[in-house]
């Protein structure tokens, strides 16, 4: 198995990520660190790590190529039957790769496996023991469910793919800097099964306020626009031949619009500028015109009602916080 670790100015996190890979039991791993022309001395950290273990290879970019090209460069060098893309600020949980490979070995029709992640700040938290269980879907079964989510339901460090599946997708698409991973998941589902490892968390995702999604991609609708565009591209190209392609595309647009309205409601009641929620509502209208007047539309309007007889923003905030907790628990429980 090959684990690719793209790296830019994350020398303070890199040793933890690499050690989490090398410490995996039950699998043979090699690591490819791709330094994308770091400017803060982090390259020296990568060089020291590569010098300590012959399972680690280091690729040094002379010119910064940005994240998508860096991902593809590293993965194009992989030699293992299975591949993982692990950001330098994330980490794998103990036994993660063994659990994923066991599912893949038992189900040759499955091309991509993922699981739940543990979000954390600071030091890696302990992950409790839990009974391991599997869920598998045909690609079409998984697609029929995912189009109703309105967002990318997979974070990324928890994913293990067959290298042959990655190669068939053509790699991360430069057209979608915010959602190239999601596009790849959809592509994989168009010709292979999807698996979920339940029970223990499969990876750690570091939330430190400097994550690429939080710093490089400003704008309330940027991510959501790309999610919508990913669905549009997929169901008119790679997935156009699927029997339910047209219906699933419409369902995806409806769910993305709903997600935008729910986000507008939450931002409205947490003090964000009114222009932000207005932008999201306009995006929802353009994405799925029938969203106007829907329950989600009325809910987003309620969040801005500060003249009513009760505290509407407070109610919306409480409900939305509960909704997100339920979503998190549902994904941990069933993978979607």
C-alpha atoms as a PDB file:
ATOM      1  CA  UNK A   1       0.000   0.000   0.000  1.00  0.00           C
ATOM      2  CA  UNK A   2       1.212   3.499  -0.842  1.00  0.00           C
ATOM      3  CA  UNK A   3       0.306   6.500   1.293  1.00  0.00           C
ATOM      4  CA  UNK A   4       0.905   9.873  -0.349  1.00  0.00           C
ATOM      5  CA  UNK A   5       1.428  12.819   2.004  1.00  0.00           C
ATOM      6  CA  UNK A   6       1.203  16.192   0.203  1.00  0.00           C
ATOM      7  CA  UNK A   7       3.031  18.814   2.192  1.00  0.00           C
ATOM      8  CA  UNK A   8       3.343  22.590   2.192  1.00  0.00           C
ATOM      9  CA  UNK A   9       4.599  24.506   5.253  1.00  0.00           C
ATOM     10  CA  UNK A  10       3.245  21.855   7.638  1.00  0.00           C
ATOM     11  CA  UNK A  11       6.545  20.661   9.078  1.00  0.00           C
ATOM     12  CA  UNK A  12       5.151  20.927  12.608  1.00  0.00           C
ATOM     13  CA  UNK A  13       2.499  18.334  11.782  1.00  0.00           C
ATOM     14  CA  UNK A  14       4.295  16.126   9.265  1.00  0.00           C
ATOM     15  CA  UNK A  15       6.069  13.741  11.718  1.00  0.00           C
ATOM     16  CA  UNK A  16       2.755  12.826  13.344  1.00  0.00           C
ATOM     17  CA  UNK A  17       1.129  12.057   9.993  1.00  0.00           C
ATOM     18  CA  UNK A  18       4.035   9.915   8.789  1.00  0.00           C
ATOM     19  CA  UNK A  19       4.400   8.053  12.080  1.00  0.00           C
ATOM     20  CA  UNK A  20       0.682   7.223  12.043  1.00  0.00           C
ATOM     21  CA  UNK A  21       1.273   5.463   8.700  1.00  0.00           C
ATOM     22  CA  UNK A  22       4.466   3.640   9.577  1.00  0.00           C
ATOM     23  CA  UNK A  23       2.939   2.378  12.834  1.00  0.00           C
ATOM     24  CA  UNK A  24       0.096   0.570  11.035  1.00  0.00           C
ATOM     25  CA  UNK A  25       0.118  -3.147  11.827  1.00  0.00           C
ATOM     26  CA  UNK A  26      -0.732  -5.921   9.392  1.00  0.00           C
ATOM     27  CA  UNK A  27      -0.010  -4.079   6.136  1.00  0.00           C
ATOM     28  CA  UNK A  28       3.106  -3.312   4.125  1.00  0.00           C
ATOM     29  CA  UNK A  29       3.241   0.427   3.531  1.00  0.00           C
ATOM     30  CA  UNK A  30       5.429   2.893   1.745  1.00  0.00           C
ATOM     31  CA  UNK A  31       5.116   6.660   2.086  1.00  0.00           C
ATOM     32  CA  UNK A  32       5.627   9.316  -0.574  1.00  0.00           C
ATOM     33  CA  UNK A  33       5.984  12.814   0.857  1.00  0.00           C
ATOM     34  CA  UNK A  34       5.484  15.488  -1.804  1.00  0.00           C
ATOM     35  CA  UNK A  35       6.832  18.834  -0.640  1.00  0.00           C
ATOM     36  CA  UNK A  36       5.232  21.573  -2.726  1.00  0.00           C
ATOM     37  CA  UNK A  37       8.105  24.078  -2.424  1.00  0.00           C
ATOM     38  CA  UNK A  38       7.645  24.863   1.262  1.00  0.00           C
ATOM     39  CA  UNK A  39       8.958  28.258   2.299  1.00  0.00           C
ATOM     40  CA  UNK A  40       9.215  27.971   6.086  1.00  0.00           C
ATOM     41  CA  UNK A  41      11.881  25.293   6.586  1.00  0.00           C
ATOM     42  CA  UNK A  42       9.397  22.424   6.521  1.00  0.00           C
ATOM     43  CA  UNK A  43      11.319  20.769   3.703  1.00  0.00           C
ATOM     44  CA  UNK A  44      14.135  20.035   6.152  1.00  0.00           C
ATOM     45  CA  UNK A  45      11.668  18.196   8.374  1.00  0.00           C
ATOM     46  CA  UNK A  46      10.623  16.089   5.392  1.00  0.00           C
ATOM     47  CA  UNK A  47      14.247  15.377   4.498  1.00  0.00           C
ATOM     48  CA  UNK A  48      15.033  14.225   8.031  1.00  0.00           C
ATOM     49  CA  UNK A  49      12.054  11.875   8.027  1.00  0.00           C
ATOM     50  CA  UNK A  50      13.005  10.393   4.645  1.00  0.00           C
ATOM     51  CA  UNK A  51      16.547   9.785   5.888  1.00  0.00           C
ATOM     52  CA  UNK A  52      15.352   7.732   8.859  1.00  0.00           C
ATOM     53  CA  UNK A  53      13.319   5.043   7.092  1.00  0.00           C
ATOM     54  CA  UNK A  54      13.747   3.465   3.668  1.00  0.00           C
ATOM     55  CA  UNK A  55       9.961   3.146   3.371  1.00  0.00           C
ATOM     56  CA  UNK A  56       9.766   6.929   2.948  1.00  0.00           C
ATOM     57  CA  UNK A  57      10.400   8.628  -0.400  1.00  0.00           C
ATOM     58  CA  UNK A  58      10.537  12.394  -0.781  1.00  0.00           C
ATOM     59  CA  UNK A  59       9.557  14.383  -3.854  1.00  0.00           C
ATOM     60  CA  UNK A  60      10.660  18.027  -3.837  1.00  0.00           C
ATOM     61  CA  UNK A  61       8.882  20.502  -6.063  1.00  0.00           C
ATOM     62  CA  UNK A  62      11.082  23.359  -7.168  1.00  0.00           C
ATOM     63  CA  UNK A  63       8.035  25.507  -7.907  1.00  0.00           C
ATOM     64  CA  UNK A  64       4.764  25.488  -5.987  1.00  0.00           C
ATOM     65  CA  UNK A  65       2.203  23.524  -8.030  1.00  0.00           C
ATOM     66  CA  UNK A  66      -0.774  23.944  -5.691  1.00  0.00           C
ATOM     67  CA  UNK A  67      -2.693  21.134  -4.096  1.00  0.00           C
ATOM     68  CA  UNK A  68      -4.421  19.335  -7.008  1.00  0.00           C
ATOM     69  CA  UNK A  69      -1.260  18.902  -9.099  1.00  0.00           C
ATOM     70  CA  UNK A  70       0.632  17.901  -5.959  1.00  0.00           C
ATOM     71  CA  UNK A  71      -1.931  15.196  -5.173  1.00  0.00           C
ATOM     72  CA  UNK A  72      -1.764  13.805  -8.682  1.00  0.00           C
ATOM     73  CA  UNK A  73       2.027  13.933  -8.788  1.00  0.00           C
ATOM     74  CA  UNK A  74       2.318  11.876  -5.627  1.00  0.00           C
ATOM     75  CA  UNK A  75      -0.356   9.365  -6.564  1.00  0.00           C
ATOM     76  CA  UNK A  76       1.130   8.889 -10.041  1.00  0.00           C
ATOM     77  CA  UNK A  77       4.255   7.544  -8.304  1.00  0.00           C
ATOM     78  CA  UNK A  78       2.374   5.002  -6.160  1.00  0.00           C
ATOM     79  CA  UNK A  79       3.268   1.343  -6.591  1.00  0.00           C
ATOM     80  CA  UNK A  80       1.021  -0.312  -3.996  1.00  0.00           C
ATOM     81  CA  UNK A  81      -2.195  -2.111  -4.861  1.00  0.00           C
ATOM     82  CA  UNK A  82      -4.019   0.364  -2.648  1.00  0.00           C
ATOM     83  CA  UNK A  83      -3.519   4.110  -2.264  1.00  0.00           C
ATOM     84  CA  UNK A  84      -4.259   6.690   0.414  1.00  0.00           C
ATOM     85  CA  UNK A  85      -3.972  10.468   0.237  1.00  0.00           C
ATOM     86  CA  UNK A  86      -3.189  11.780   3.713  1.00  0.00           C
ATOM     87  CA  UNK A  87      -2.775  15.509   4.274  1.00  0.00           C
ATOM     88  CA  UNK A  88       0.278  16.381   6.338  1.00  0.00           C
ATOM     89  CA  UNK A  89      -1.866  17.865   9.112  1.00  0.00           C
ATOM     90  CA  UNK A  90      -4.060  14.748   9.477  1.00  0.00           C
ATOM     91  CA  UNK A  91      -3.281  11.222  10.671  1.00  0.00           C
ATOM     92  CA  UNK A  92      -4.489   7.629  10.546  1.00  0.00           C
ATOM     93  CA  UNK A  93      -5.901   5.882  13.587  1.00  0.00           C
ATOM     94  CA  UNK A  94      -4.244   2.648  14.788  1.00  0.00           C
ATOM     95  CA  UNK A  95      -5.296  -0.317  12.664  1.00  0.00           C
ATOM     96  CA  UNK A  96      -7.065   1.870  10.115  1.00  0.00           C
ATOM     97  CA  UNK A  97      -5.392   0.446   7.024  1.00  0.00           C
ATOM     98  CA  UNK A  98      -5.740  -3.148   8.175  1.00  0.00           C
ATOM     99  CA  UNK A  99      -9.475  -2.695   8.607  1.00  0.00           C
ATOM    100  CA  UNK A 100      -9.885  -1.092   5.177  1.00  0.00           C
ATOM    101  CA  UNK A 101      -7.757  -3.671   3.374  1.00  0.00           C
ATOM    102  CA  UNK A 102      -9.660  -6.516   5.035  1.00  0.00           C
ATOM    103  CA  UNK A 103     -12.883  -5.204   3.496  1.00  0.00           C
ATOM    104  CA  UNK A 104     -11.270  -4.705   0.095  1.00  0.00           C
ATOM    105  CA  UNK A 105      -9.761  -8.177   0.105  1.00  0.00           C
ATOM    106  CA  UNK A 106     -13.096  -9.743   1.060  1.00  0.00           C
ATOM    107  CA  UNK A 107     -15.041  -7.736  -1.553  1.00  0.00           C
ATOM    108  CA  UNK A 108     -13.123  -7.465  -4.831  1.00  0.00           C
ATOM    109  CA  UNK A 109     -16.052  -5.590  -6.372  1.00  0.00           C
ATOM    110  CA  UNK A 110     -15.468  -2.673  -3.971  1.00  0.00           C
ATOM    111  CA  UNK A 111     -13.046  -0.045  -5.248  1.00  0.00           C
ATOM    112  CA  UNK A 112     -13.226   2.598  -2.511  1.00  0.00           C
ATOM    113  CA  UNK A 113     -13.521   2.268   1.256  1.00  0.00           C
ATOM    114  CA  UNK A 114     -14.043   4.997   3.835  1.00  0.00           C
ATOM    115  CA  UNK A 115     -15.078   5.342   7.471  1.00  0.00           C
ATOM    116  CA  UNK A 116     -15.735   7.844  10.228  1.00  0.00           C
ATOM    117  CA  UNK A 117     -13.174  10.466  11.251  1.00  0.00           C
ATOM    118  CA  UNK A 118     -12.226  11.989  14.587  1.00  0.00           C
ATOM    119  CA  UNK A 119     -11.991  15.793  14.446  1.00  0.00           C
ATOM    120  CA  UNK A 120      -9.444  17.194  16.858  1.00  0.00           C
ATOM    121  CA  UNK A 121      -7.394  20.169  18.001  1.00  0.00           C
ATOM    122  CA  UNK A 122      -3.866  19.933  19.395  1.00  0.00           C
ATOM    123  CA  UNK A 123      -2.654  16.445  20.335  1.00  0.00           C
ATOM    124  CA  UNK A 124      -4.160  13.298  18.852  1.00  0.00           C
ATOM    125  CA  UNK A 125      -7.011  12.102  21.079  1.00  0.00           C
ATOM    126  CA  UNK A 126      -7.445   8.519  22.156  1.00  0.00           C
ATOM    127  CA  UNK A 127      -9.859   6.510  20.033  1.00  0.00           C
ATOM    128  CA  UNK A 128     -11.863   3.949  21.937  1.00  0.00           C
ATOM    129  CA  UNK A 129     -12.248   0.328  20.933  1.00  0.00           C
ATOM    130  CA  UNK A 130     -15.397  -0.585  19.076  1.00  0.00           C
ATOM    131  CA  UNK A 131     -16.740  -3.591  17.215  1.00  0.00           C
ATOM    132  CA  UNK A 132     -15.725  -3.446  13.553  1.00  0.00           C
ATOM    133  CA  UNK A 133     -18.505  -3.845  11.024  1.00  0.00           C
ATOM    134  CA  UNK A 134     -18.778  -3.369   7.279  1.00  0.00           C
ATOM    135  CA  UNK A 135     -21.310  -1.901   4.922  1.00  0.00           C
ATOM    136  CA  UNK A 136     -21.039  -2.297   1.167  1.00  0.00           C
ATOM    137  CA  UNK A 137     -23.099  -0.862  -1.642  1.00  0.00           C
ATOM    138  CA  UNK A 138     -23.080  -1.238  -5.381  1.00  0.00           C
ATOM    139  CA  UNK A 139     -22.000   2.025  -6.945  1.00  0.00           C
ATOM    140  CA  UNK A 140     -25.571   2.807  -8.012  1.00  0.00           C
ATOM    141  CA  UNK A 141     -26.945   2.092  -4.545  1.00  0.00           C
ATOM    142  CA  UNK A 142     -24.446   4.497  -3.021  1.00  0.00           C
ATOM    143  CA  UNK A 143     -25.134   7.194  -5.619  1.00  0.00           C
ATOM    144  CA  UNK A 144     -28.890   6.915  -5.072  1.00  0.00           C
ATOM    145  CA  UNK A 145     -28.323   7.838  -1.432  1.00  0.00           C
ATOM    146  CA  UNK A 146     -25.528  10.382  -1.710  1.00  0.00           C
ATOM    147  CA  UNK A 147     -27.409  12.687  -4.097  1.00  0.00           C
ATOM    148  CA  UNK A 148     -29.799  13.515  -1.266  1.00  0.00           C
ATOM    149  CA  UNK A 149     -27.049  14.774   1.043  1.00  0.00           C
ATOM    150  CA  UNK A 150     -26.301  18.059  -0.738  1.00  0.00           C
ATOM    151  CA  UNK A 151     -22.658  18.048   0.310  1.00  0.00           C
ATOM    152  CA  UNK A 152     -19.449  16.026   0.229  1.00  0.00           C
ATOM    153  CA  UNK A 153     -19.981  13.399   2.921  1.00  0.00           C
ATOM    154  CA  UNK A 154     -16.394  12.081   2.898  1.00  0.00           C
ATOM    155  CA  UNK A 155     -13.617  14.141   4.491  1.00  0.00           C
ATOM    156  CA  UNK A 156     -10.709  12.375   2.705  1.00  0.00           C
ATOM    157  CA  UNK A 157      -7.990  10.958   5.037  1.00  0.00           C
ATOM    158  CA  UNK A 158     -10.216   7.966   5.813  1.00  0.00           C
ATOM    159  CA  UNK A 159     -10.375   6.837   2.159  1.00  0.00           C
ATOM    160  CA  UNK A 160      -8.513   3.829   0.763  1.00  0.00           C
ATOM    161  CA  UNK A 161      -8.795   3.178  -2.982  1.00  0.00           C
ATOM    162  CA  UNK A 162      -7.572   0.460  -5.246  1.00  0.00           C
ATOM    163  CA  UNK A 163      -4.802   1.984  -7.328  1.00  0.00           C
ATOM    164  CA  UNK A 164      -6.485   0.616 -10.453  1.00  0.00           C
ATOM    165  CA  UNK A 165      -9.651   2.536  -9.550  1.00  0.00           C
ATOM    166  CA  UNK A 166      -7.738   5.748  -8.938  1.00  0.00           C
ATOM    167  CA  UNK A 167      -6.014   5.378 -12.303  1.00  0.00           C
ATOM    168  CA  UNK A 168      -9.308   4.781 -14.081  1.00  0.00           C
ATOM    169  CA  UNK A 169     -10.768   8.011 -12.655  1.00  0.00           C
ATOM    170  CA  UNK A 170      -7.924   9.963 -14.227  1.00  0.00           C
ATOM    171  CA  UNK A 171      -6.882  11.585 -10.959  1.00  0.00           C
ATOM    172  CA  UNK A 172      -8.040  14.728  -9.208  1.00  0.00           C
ATOM    173  CA  UNK A 173      -9.703  17.162 -11.610  1.00  0.00           C
ATOM    174  CA  UNK A 174      -8.131  20.624 -11.847  1.00  0.00           C
ATOM    175  CA  UNK A 175     -11.517  22.123 -12.677  1.00  0.00           C
ATOM    176  CA  UNK A 176     -12.733  21.502  -9.125  1.00  0.00           C
ATOM    177  CA  UNK A 177     -10.187  22.815  -6.605  1.00  0.00           C
ATOM    178  CA  UNK A 178     -12.834  22.752  -3.852  1.00  0.00           C
ATOM    179  CA  UNK A 179     -14.441  19.419  -4.665  1.00  0.00           C
ATOM    180  CA  UNK A 180     -12.096  17.317  -6.804  1.00  0.00           C
ATOM    181  CA  UNK A 181     -12.222  14.556  -4.205  1.00  0.00           C
ATOM    182  CA  UNK A 182     -16.008  14.405  -4.365  1.00  0.00           C
ATOM    183  CA  UNK A 183     -15.893  14.154  -8.142  1.00  0.00           C
ATOM    184  CA  UNK A 184     -13.506  11.237  -7.806  1.00  0.00           C
ATOM    185  CA  UNK A 185     -15.823   9.435  -5.354  1.00  0.00           C
ATOM    186  CA  UNK A 186     -18.683   9.764  -7.844  1.00  0.00           C
ATOM    187  CA  UNK A 187     -16.482   8.513 -10.674  1.00  0.00           C
ATOM    188  CA  UNK A 188     -15.407   5.498  -8.636  1.00  0.00           C
ATOM    189  CA  UNK A 189     -19.049   4.679  -7.867  1.00  0.00           C
ATOM    190  CA  UNK A 190     -19.870   4.694 -11.580  1.00  0.00           C
ATOM    191  CA  UNK A 191     -17.824   1.527 -12.126  1.00  0.00           C
ATOM    192  CA  UNK A 192     -17.133  -0.045  -8.705  1.00  0.00           C
ATOM    193  CA  UNK A 193     -18.714  -0.750  -5.351  1.00  0.00           C
ATOM    194  CA  UNK A 194     -18.278   1.430  -2.273  1.00  0.00           C
ATOM    195  CA  UNK A 195     -17.490   0.176   1.232  1.00  0.00           C
ATOM    196  CA  UNK A 196     -17.715   1.631   4.732  1.00  0.00           C
ATOM    197  CA  UNK A 197     -15.768   0.482   7.780  1.00  0.00           C
ATOM    198  CA  UNK A 198     -17.893   1.074  10.856  1.00  0.00           C
ATOM    199  CA  UNK A 199     -16.924   1.002  14.499  1.00  0.00           C
ATOM    200  CA  UNK A 200     -13.544   2.590  15.248  1.00  0.00           C
ATOM    201  CA  UNK A 201     -12.703   5.936  13.701  1.00  0.00           C
ATOM    202  CA  UNK A 202     -10.560   5.455  10.592  1.00  0.00           C
ATOM    203  CA  UNK A 203      -8.637   8.735  10.602  1.00  0.00           C
ATOM    204  CA  UNK A 204      -7.966  11.942  12.478  1.00  0.00           C
ATOM    205  CA  UNK A 205      -8.888  15.259  10.859  1.00  0.00           C
ATOM    206  CA  UNK A 206      -7.129  18.249  12.365  1.00  0.00           C
ATOM    207  CA  UNK A 207      -9.265  21.378  12.633  1.00  0.00           C
ATOM    208  CA  UNK A 208      -6.808  24.178  13.386  1.00  0.00           C
ATOM    209  CA  UNK A 209      -8.255  27.157  11.526  1.00  0.00           C
ATOM    210  CA  UNK A 210      -5.511  27.032   8.909  1.00  0.00           C
ATOM    211  CA  UNK A 211      -6.921  24.155   6.877  1.00  0.00           C
ATOM    212  CA  UNK A 212      -6.897  24.792   3.159  1.00  0.00           C
ATOM    213  CA  UNK A 213     -10.683  24.823   2.989  1.00  0.00           C
ATOM    214  CA  UNK A 214     -10.757  27.541   5.647  1.00  0.00           C
ATOM    215  CA  UNK A 215      -8.034  29.806   4.287  1.00  0.00           C
ATOM    216  CA  UNK A 216      -7.781  29.420   0.520  1.00  0.00           C
ATOM    217  CA  UNK A 217     -11.425  29.353  -0.468  1.00  0.00           C
ATOM    218  CA  UNK A 218     -13.323  32.345   0.844  1.00  0.00           C
ATOM    219  CA  UNK A 219     -16.946  33.036  -0.032  1.00  0.00           C
ATOM    220  CA  UNK A 220     -20.119  31.571   1.348  1.00  0.00           C
ATOM    221  CA  UNK A 221     -21.121  29.765  -1.838  1.00  0.00           C
ATOM    222  CA  UNK A 222     -17.729  28.722  -3.262  1.00  0.00           C
ATOM    223  CA  UNK A 223     -17.786  25.164  -1.940  1.00  0.00           C
ATOM    224  CA  UNK A 224     -21.490  24.720  -2.606  1.00  0.00           C
ATOM    225  CA  UNK A 225     -21.149  25.966  -6.171  1.00  0.00           C
ATOM    226  CA  UNK A 226     -18.519  23.346  -6.844  1.00  0.00           C
ATOM    227  CA  UNK A 227     -20.593  20.599  -5.234  1.00  0.00           C
ATOM    228  CA  UNK A 228     -23.449  21.538  -7.566  1.00  0.00           C
ATOM    229  CA  UNK A 229     -21.113  21.730 -10.552  1.00  0.00           C
ATOM    230  CA  UNK A 230     -19.554  18.379  -9.695  1.00  0.00           C
ATOM    231  CA  UNK A 231     -22.982  16.755  -9.767  1.00  0.00           C
ATOM    232  CA  UNK A 232     -23.843  18.502 -13.047  1.00  0.00           C
ATOM    233  CA  UNK A 233     -20.590  17.419 -14.698  1.00  0.00           C
ATOM    234  CA  UNK A 234     -20.810  13.876 -13.421  1.00  0.00           C
ATOM    235  CA  UNK A 235     -24.394  13.204 -14.451  1.00  0.00           C
ATOM    236  CA  UNK A 236     -23.789  14.634 -17.922  1.00  0.00           C
ATOM    237  CA  UNK A 237     -20.451  12.871 -18.519  1.00  0.00           C
ATOM    238  CA  UNK A 238     -19.070   9.925 -16.515  1.00  0.00           C
ATOM    239  CA  UNK A 239     -22.455   9.063 -15.041  1.00  0.00           C
ATOM    240  CA  UNK A 240     -24.628  10.019 -18.007  1.00  0.00           C
ATOM    241  CA  UNK A 241     -25.208   6.384 -18.909  1.00  0.00           C
ATOM    242  CA  UNK A 242     -26.640   5.473 -15.505  1.00  0.00           C
ATOM    243  CA  UNK A 243     -30.354   4.618 -15.740  1.00  0.00           C
ATOM    244  CA  UNK A 244     -31.346   7.222 -13.154  1.00  0.00           C
ATOM    245  CA  UNK A 245     -28.852   9.917 -14.174  1.00  0.00           C
ATOM    246  CA  UNK A 246     -31.392  12.641 -14.976  1.00  0.00           C
ATOM    247  CA  UNK A 247     -33.482  11.999 -11.877  1.00  0.00           C
ATOM    248  CA  UNK A 248     -30.428  11.851  -9.632  1.00  0.00           C
ATOM    249  CA  UNK A 249     -29.094  15.092 -11.067  1.00  0.00           C
ATOM    250  CA  UNK A 250     -32.351  16.824 -10.211  1.00  0.00           C
ATOM    251  CA  UNK A 251     -32.323  15.303  -6.721  1.00  0.00           C
ATOM    252  CA  UNK A 252     -28.746  16.499  -6.247  1.00  0.00           C
ATOM    253  CA  UNK A 253     -29.604  20.056  -7.278  1.00  0.00           C
ATOM    254  CA  UNK A 254     -32.583  20.055  -4.932  1.00  0.00           C
ATOM    255  CA  UNK A 255     -30.471  18.812  -2.016  1.00  0.00           C
ATOM    256  CA  UNK A 256     -27.670  21.322  -2.690  1.00  0.00           C
ATOM    257  CA  UNK A 257     -30.225  24.154  -2.699  1.00  0.00           C
ATOM    258  CA  UNK A 258     -31.689  22.880   0.567  1.00  0.00           C
ATOM    259  CA  UNK A 259     -28.218  22.687   2.088  1.00  0.00           C
ATOM    260  CA  UNK A 260     -27.535  26.289   1.071  1.00  0.00           C
ATOM    261  CA  UNK A 261     -30.748  27.442   2.737  1.00  0.00           C
ATOM    262  CA  UNK A 262     -29.968  25.582   5.947  1.00  0.00           C
ATOM    263  CA  UNK A 263     -26.513  27.116   5.965  1.00  0.00           C
ATOM    264  CA  UNK A 264     -28.059  30.550   5.389  1.00  0.00           C
ATOM    265  CA  UNK A 265     -30.302  30.020   8.397  1.00  0.00           C
ATOM    266  CA  UNK A 266     -27.424  29.040  10.631  1.00  0.00           C
ATOM    267  CA  UNK A 267     -25.193  31.914   9.516  1.00  0.00           C
ATOM    268  CA  UNK A 268     -28.029  34.408   9.843  1.00  0.00           C
ATOM    269  CA  UNK A 269     -28.568  33.580  13.494  1.00  0.00           C
ATOM    270  CA  UNK A 270     -24.882  33.512  14.384  1.00  0.00           C
ATOM    271  CA  UNK A 271     -24.165  37.112  13.474  1.00  0.00           C
ATOM    272  CA  UNK A 272     -22.874  36.767   9.919  1.00  0.00           C
ATOM    273  CA  UNK A 273     -23.509  39.761   7.634  1.00  0.00           C
ATOM    274  CA  UNK A 274     -26.947  39.737   6.067  1.00  0.00           C
ATOM    275  CA  UNK A 275     -25.285  39.756   2.643  1.00  0.00           C
ATOM    276  CA  UNK A 276     -23.905  36.255   3.284  1.00  0.00           C
ATOM    277  CA  UNK A 277     -27.298  34.668   3.881  1.00  0.00           C
ATOM    278  CA  UNK A 278     -28.712  36.661   0.959  1.00  0.00           C
ATOM    279  CA  UNK A 279     -25.989  35.214  -1.277  1.00  0.00           C
ATOM    280  CA  UNK A 280     -26.834  31.687  -0.183  1.00  0.00           C
ATOM    281  CA  UNK A 281     -30.543  32.204  -0.750  1.00  0.00           C
ATOM    282  CA  UNK A 282     -29.848  33.574  -4.242  1.00  0.00           C
ATOM    283  CA  UNK A 283     -27.630  30.565  -4.913  1.00  0.00           C
ATOM    284  CA  UNK A 284     -30.419  28.206  -3.785  1.00  0.00           C
ATOM    285  CA  UNK A 285     -32.928  29.964  -6.040  1.00  0.00           C
ATOM    286  CA  UNK A 286     -30.613  29.721  -9.053  1.00  0.00           C
ATOM    287  CA  UNK A 287     -29.718  26.089  -8.359  1.00  0.00           C
ATOM    288  CA  UNK A 288     -33.248  24.825  -7.846  1.00  0.00           C
ATOM    289  CA  UNK A 289     -35.976  27.438  -8.473  1.00  0.00           C
ATOM    290  CA  UNK A 290     -38.616  25.290  -6.781  1.00  0.00           C
ATOM    291  CA  UNK A 291     -36.729  25.779  -3.510  1.00  0.00           C
ATOM    292  CA  UNK A 292     -38.425  29.167  -3.201  1.00  0.00           C
ATOM    293  CA  UNK A 293     -41.300  28.771  -0.770  1.00  0.00           C
ATOM    294  CA  UNK A 294     -40.086  25.366   0.452  1.00  0.00           C
ATOM    295  CA  UNK A 295     -39.834  24.509   4.141  1.00  0.00           C
ATOM    296  CA  UNK A 296     -36.094  25.184   4.027  1.00  0.00           C
ATOM    297  CA  UNK A 297     -36.746  28.576   2.404  1.00  0.00           C
ATOM    298  CA  UNK A 298     -39.215  29.532   5.146  1.00  0.00           C
ATOM    299  CA  UNK A 299     -36.784  28.287   7.773  1.00  0.00           C
ATOM    300  CA  UNK A 300     -33.976  30.471   6.434  1.00  0.00           C
ATOM    301  CA  UNK A 301     -36.392  33.430   6.494  1.00  0.00           C
ATOM    302  CA  UNK A 302     -37.340  32.730  10.100  1.00  0.00           C
ATOM    303  CA  UNK A 303     -33.712  33.050  11.152  1.00  0.00           C
ATOM    304  CA  UNK A 304     -33.703  36.692  10.089  1.00  0.00           C
ATOM    305  CA  UNK A 305     -36.945  37.525  11.884  1.00  0.00           C
ATOM    306  CA  UNK A 306     -35.848  39.596  14.848  1.00  0.00           C
ATOM    307  CA  UNK A 307     -39.207  41.325  15.343  1.00  0.00           C
ATOM    308  CA  UNK A 308     -41.344  38.339  16.227  1.00  0.00           C
ATOM    309  CA  UNK A 309     -42.856  37.558  19.600  1.00  0.00           C
ATOM    310  CA  UNK A 310     -40.106  35.026  20.353  1.00  0.00           C
ATOM    311  CA  UNK A 311     -36.392  34.754  19.739  1.00  0.00           C
ATOM    312  CA  UNK A 312     -36.392  33.251  16.222  1.00  0.00           C
ATOM    313  CA  UNK A 313     -32.591  33.303  15.731  1.00  0.00           C
ATOM    314  CA  UNK A 314     -32.069  31.485  19.005  1.00  0.00           C
ATOM    315  CA  UNK A 315     -34.582  28.809  18.034  1.00  0.00           C
ATOM    316  CA  UNK A 316     -32.979  28.324  14.629  1.00  0.00           C
ATOM    317  CA  UNK A 317     -29.501  28.105  16.134  1.00  0.00           C
ATOM    318  CA  UNK A 318     -30.609  25.444  18.629  1.00  0.00           C
ATOM    319  CA  UNK A 319     -32.345  23.373  15.961  1.00  0.00           C
ATOM    320  CA  UNK A 320     -29.448  23.614  13.512  1.00  0.00           C
ATOM    321  CA  UNK A 321     -26.909  22.591  16.159  1.00  0.00           C
ATOM    322  CA  UNK A 322     -29.073  19.563  16.945  1.00  0.00           C
ATOM    323  CA  UNK A 323     -29.411  18.772  13.248  1.00  0.00           C
ATOM    324  CA  UNK A 324     -25.634  18.716  12.783  1.00  0.00           C
ATOM    325  CA  UNK A 325     -25.191  16.400  15.753  1.00  0.00           C
ATOM    326  CA  UNK A 326     -27.764  14.020  14.303  1.00  0.00           C
ATOM    327  CA  UNK A 327     -26.045  14.109  10.907  1.00  0.00           C
ATOM    328  CA  UNK A 328     -22.705  13.290  12.493  1.00  0.00           C
ATOM    329  CA  UNK A 329     -24.123  10.373  14.423  1.00  0.00           C
ATOM    330  CA  UNK A 330     -25.990   9.070  11.392  1.00  0.00           C
ATOM    331  CA  UNK A 331     -22.863   9.110   9.262  1.00  0.00           C
ATOM    332  CA  UNK A 332     -20.928   7.294  11.964  1.00  0.00           C
ATOM    333  CA  UNK A 333     -23.707   4.740  12.246  1.00  0.00           C
ATOM    334  CA  UNK A 334     -24.520   4.045   8.595  1.00  0.00           C
ATOM    335  CA  UNK A 335     -21.791   5.742   6.525  1.00  0.00           C
ATOM    336  CA  UNK A 336     -24.073   8.302   4.854  1.00  0.00           C
END
